[in-house]
C-alpha atoms as a PDB file:
ATOM      1  CA  UNK A   1     -24.271  -5.082   3.999  1.00  0.00           C
ATOM      2  CA  UNK A   2     -23.918  -1.316   3.584  1.00  0.00           C
ATOM      3  CA  UNK A   3     -20.745  -1.739   1.557  1.00  0.00           C
ATOM      4  CA  UNK A   4     -22.548  -3.978  -0.958  1.00  0.00           C
ATOM      5  CA  UNK A   5     -25.473  -1.556  -1.132  1.00  0.00           C
ATOM      6  CA  UNK A   6     -23.065   1.331  -1.728  1.00  0.00           C
ATOM      7  CA  UNK A   7     -21.323  -0.596  -4.517  1.00  0.00           C
ATOM      8  CA  UNK A   8     -24.659  -1.294  -6.206  1.00  0.00           C
ATOM      9  CA  UNK A   9     -25.675   2.356  -6.031  1.00  0.00           C
ATOM     10  CA  UNK A  10     -22.361   4.054  -6.762  1.00  0.00           C
ATOM     11  CA  UNK A  11     -20.101   1.410  -8.305  1.00  0.00           C
ATOM     12  CA  UNK A  12     -16.903  -0.155  -6.991  1.00  0.00           C
ATOM     13  CA  UNK A  13     -13.508   1.394  -6.446  1.00  0.00           C
ATOM     14  CA  UNK A  14     -11.917   4.115  -8.501  1.00  0.00           C
ATOM     15  CA  UNK A  15     -13.372   5.081 -11.868  1.00  0.00           C
ATOM     16  CA  UNK A  16     -11.646   3.790 -14.979  1.00  0.00           C
ATOM     17  CA  UNK A  17      -9.376   6.259 -16.808  1.00  0.00           C
ATOM     18  CA  UNK A  18     -10.877   7.574 -20.019  1.00  0.00           C
ATOM     19  CA  UNK A  19      -9.064   8.583 -23.217  1.00  0.00           C
ATOM     20  CA  UNK A  20     -11.592  11.421 -23.580  1.00  0.00           C
ATOM     21  CA  UNK A  21     -10.876  12.984 -20.211  1.00  0.00           C
ATOM     22  CA  UNK A  22      -9.368  12.854 -16.759  1.00  0.00           C
ATOM     23  CA  UNK A  23     -10.283  13.440 -13.133  1.00  0.00           C
ATOM     24  CA  UNK A  24      -9.207  16.705 -11.542  1.00  0.00           C
ATOM     25  CA  UNK A  25      -9.084  16.461  -7.752  1.00  0.00           C
ATOM     26  CA  UNK A  26      -8.583  19.697  -5.809  1.00  0.00           C
ATOM     27  CA  UNK A  27      -8.943  20.944  -2.224  1.00  0.00           C
ATOM     28  CA  UNK A  28      -9.905  24.443  -1.056  1.00  0.00           C
ATOM     29  CA  UNK A  29      -7.060  26.157   0.807  1.00  0.00           C
ATOM     30  CA  UNK A  30      -9.508  27.959   3.135  1.00  0.00           C
ATOM     31  CA  UNK A  31     -12.050  25.348   4.241  1.00  0.00           C
ATOM     32  CA  UNK A  32     -10.482  22.058   3.051  1.00  0.00           C
ATOM     33  CA  UNK A  33     -13.505  21.013   0.958  1.00  0.00           C
ATOM     34  CA  UNK A  34     -12.537  18.486  -1.726  1.00  0.00           C
ATOM     35  CA  UNK A  35     -13.763  18.458  -5.319  1.00  0.00           C
ATOM     36  CA  UNK A  36     -13.518  15.564  -7.769  1.00  0.00           C
ATOM     37  CA  UNK A  37     -14.279  16.800 -11.278  1.00  0.00           C
ATOM     38  CA  UNK A  38     -14.259  14.948 -14.585  1.00  0.00           C
ATOM     39  CA  UNK A  39     -12.720  17.045 -17.360  1.00  0.00           C
ATOM     40  CA  UNK A  40     -13.797  16.063 -20.873  1.00  0.00           C
ATOM     41  CA  UNK A  41     -10.918  16.895 -23.233  1.00  0.00           C
ATOM     42  CA  UNK A  42     -13.243  16.983 -26.241  1.00  0.00           C
ATOM     43  CA  UNK A  43     -15.434  19.777 -24.872  1.00  0.00           C
ATOM     44  CA  UNK A  44     -13.658  21.683 -22.120  1.00  0.00           C
ATOM     45  CA  UNK A  45     -10.257  22.495 -23.642  1.00  0.00           C
ATOM     46  CA  UNK A  46      -9.873  25.768 -25.541  1.00  0.00           C
ATOM     47  CA  UNK A  47      -7.933  25.497 -28.793  1.00  0.00           C
ATOM     48  CA  UNK A  48      -5.148  28.077 -29.306  1.00  0.00           C
ATOM     49  CA  UNK A  49      -3.477  28.711 -32.672  1.00  0.00           C
ATOM     50  CA  UNK A  50       0.082  30.027 -32.902  1.00  0.00           C
ATOM     51  CA  UNK A  51       1.467  32.141 -35.767  1.00  0.00           C
ATOM     52  CA  UNK A  52       3.613  29.203 -36.919  1.00  0.00           C
ATOM     53  CA  UNK A  53       0.479  27.068 -37.391  1.00  0.00           C
ATOM     54  CA  UNK A  54       0.912  24.921 -34.297  1.00  0.00           C
ATOM     55  CA  UNK A  55      -1.948  24.266 -31.916  1.00  0.00           C
ATOM     56  CA  UNK A  56      -2.108  23.909 -28.145  1.00  0.00           C
ATOM     57  CA  UNK A  57      -4.965  23.760 -25.653  1.00  0.00           C
ATOM     58  CA  UNK A  58      -5.872  25.547 -22.424  1.00  0.00           C
ATOM     59  CA  UNK A  59      -8.229  24.622 -19.605  1.00  0.00           C
ATOM     60  CA  UNK A  60      -9.486  27.315 -17.224  1.00  0.00           C
ATOM     61  CA  UNK A  61     -11.777  26.245 -14.383  1.00  0.00           C
ATOM     62  CA  UNK A  62     -13.289  28.071 -11.430  1.00  0.00           C
ATOM     63  CA  UNK A  63     -14.449  25.811  -8.626  1.00  0.00           C
ATOM     64  CA  UNK A  64     -16.897  26.995  -5.957  1.00  0.00           C
ATOM     65  CA  UNK A  65     -17.673  25.261  -2.697  1.00  0.00           C
ATOM     66  CA  UNK A  66     -20.945  24.900  -0.831  1.00  0.00           C
ATOM     67  CA  UNK A  67     -20.313  26.933   2.300  1.00  0.00           C
ATOM     68  CA  UNK A  68     -17.099  28.774   1.430  1.00  0.00           C
ATOM     69  CA  UNK A  69     -16.802  31.932  -0.655  1.00  0.00           C
ATOM     70  CA  UNK A  70     -13.313  31.022  -1.838  1.00  0.00           C
ATOM     71  CA  UNK A  71     -12.925  30.450  -5.591  1.00  0.00           C
ATOM     72  CA  UNK A  72     -10.355  27.943  -6.756  1.00  0.00           C
ATOM     73  CA  UNK A  73      -8.796  28.926 -10.093  1.00  0.00           C
ATOM     74  CA  UNK A  74      -7.223  26.132 -12.147  1.00  0.00           C
ATOM     75  CA  UNK A  75      -5.280  26.755 -15.371  1.00  0.00           C
ATOM     76  CA  UNK A  76      -3.759  23.900 -17.364  1.00  0.00           C
ATOM     77  CA  UNK A  77      -1.786  23.937 -20.622  1.00  0.00           C
ATOM     78  CA  UNK A  78      -1.809  21.015 -23.062  1.00  0.00           C
ATOM     79  CA  UNK A  79       0.190  20.335 -26.215  1.00  0.00           C
ATOM     80  CA  UNK A  80      -1.303  19.636 -29.649  1.00  0.00           C
ATOM     81  CA  UNK A  81      -1.981  16.016 -28.661  1.00  0.00           C
ATOM     82  CA  UNK A  82      -3.820  17.137 -25.506  1.00  0.00           C
ATOM     83  CA  UNK A  83      -1.059  15.936 -23.188  1.00  0.00           C
ATOM     84  CA  UNK A  84      -0.566  17.994 -20.024  1.00  0.00           C
ATOM     85  CA  UNK A  85       2.364  20.431 -20.225  1.00  0.00           C
ATOM     86  CA  UNK A  86       1.841  22.651 -17.165  1.00  0.00           C
ATOM     87  CA  UNK A  87      -0.706  23.463 -14.480  1.00  0.00           C
ATOM     88  CA  UNK A  88      -1.349  26.225 -11.955  1.00  0.00           C
ATOM     89  CA  UNK A  89      -3.809  26.554  -9.092  1.00  0.00           C
ATOM     90  CA  UNK A  90      -4.825  29.535  -6.951  1.00  0.00           C
ATOM     91  CA  UNK A  91      -6.654  29.336  -3.605  1.00  0.00           C
ATOM     92  CA  UNK A  92      -6.391  25.558  -3.535  1.00  0.00           C
ATOM     93  CA  UNK A  93      -4.142  22.561  -3.986  1.00  0.00           C
ATOM     94  CA  UNK A  94      -4.119  19.488  -6.167  1.00  0.00           C
ATOM     95  CA  UNK A  95      -4.945  16.190  -4.511  1.00  0.00           C
ATOM     96  CA  UNK A  96      -2.478  13.645  -5.836  1.00  0.00           C
ATOM     97  CA  UNK A  97      -3.764  10.077  -6.031  1.00  0.00           C
END
C-alpha cells in the first residue's frame, strides 16, 4: 500500500536520462550525507574559449549539507560537445550507480 502511494507521489524507479543534463550523486566525506543533483548542461556549464578558437565547458559546484559545515567542491571538464572529460571532488566522493 505504501509503495503504491509513494510511486504515485514521487514516481517509479530511477529517473530517465536526459540529453539536456545528468544526475550528479555525491556523498559528504565528513558526515556521509548523500546529495542527488540534476545538472542542466544548457544552463550550468561555463563556456571557455581557447586561443585556437576551440571551445570547452566547465562545471563548478559547491554542495552544502543540512547539519554539516563541510563544503563539497565539484569541478568537471567537458569537451566542445559537452561530453565529460575529467572530474575532481574535494571533501566528498562520487556515488557510482
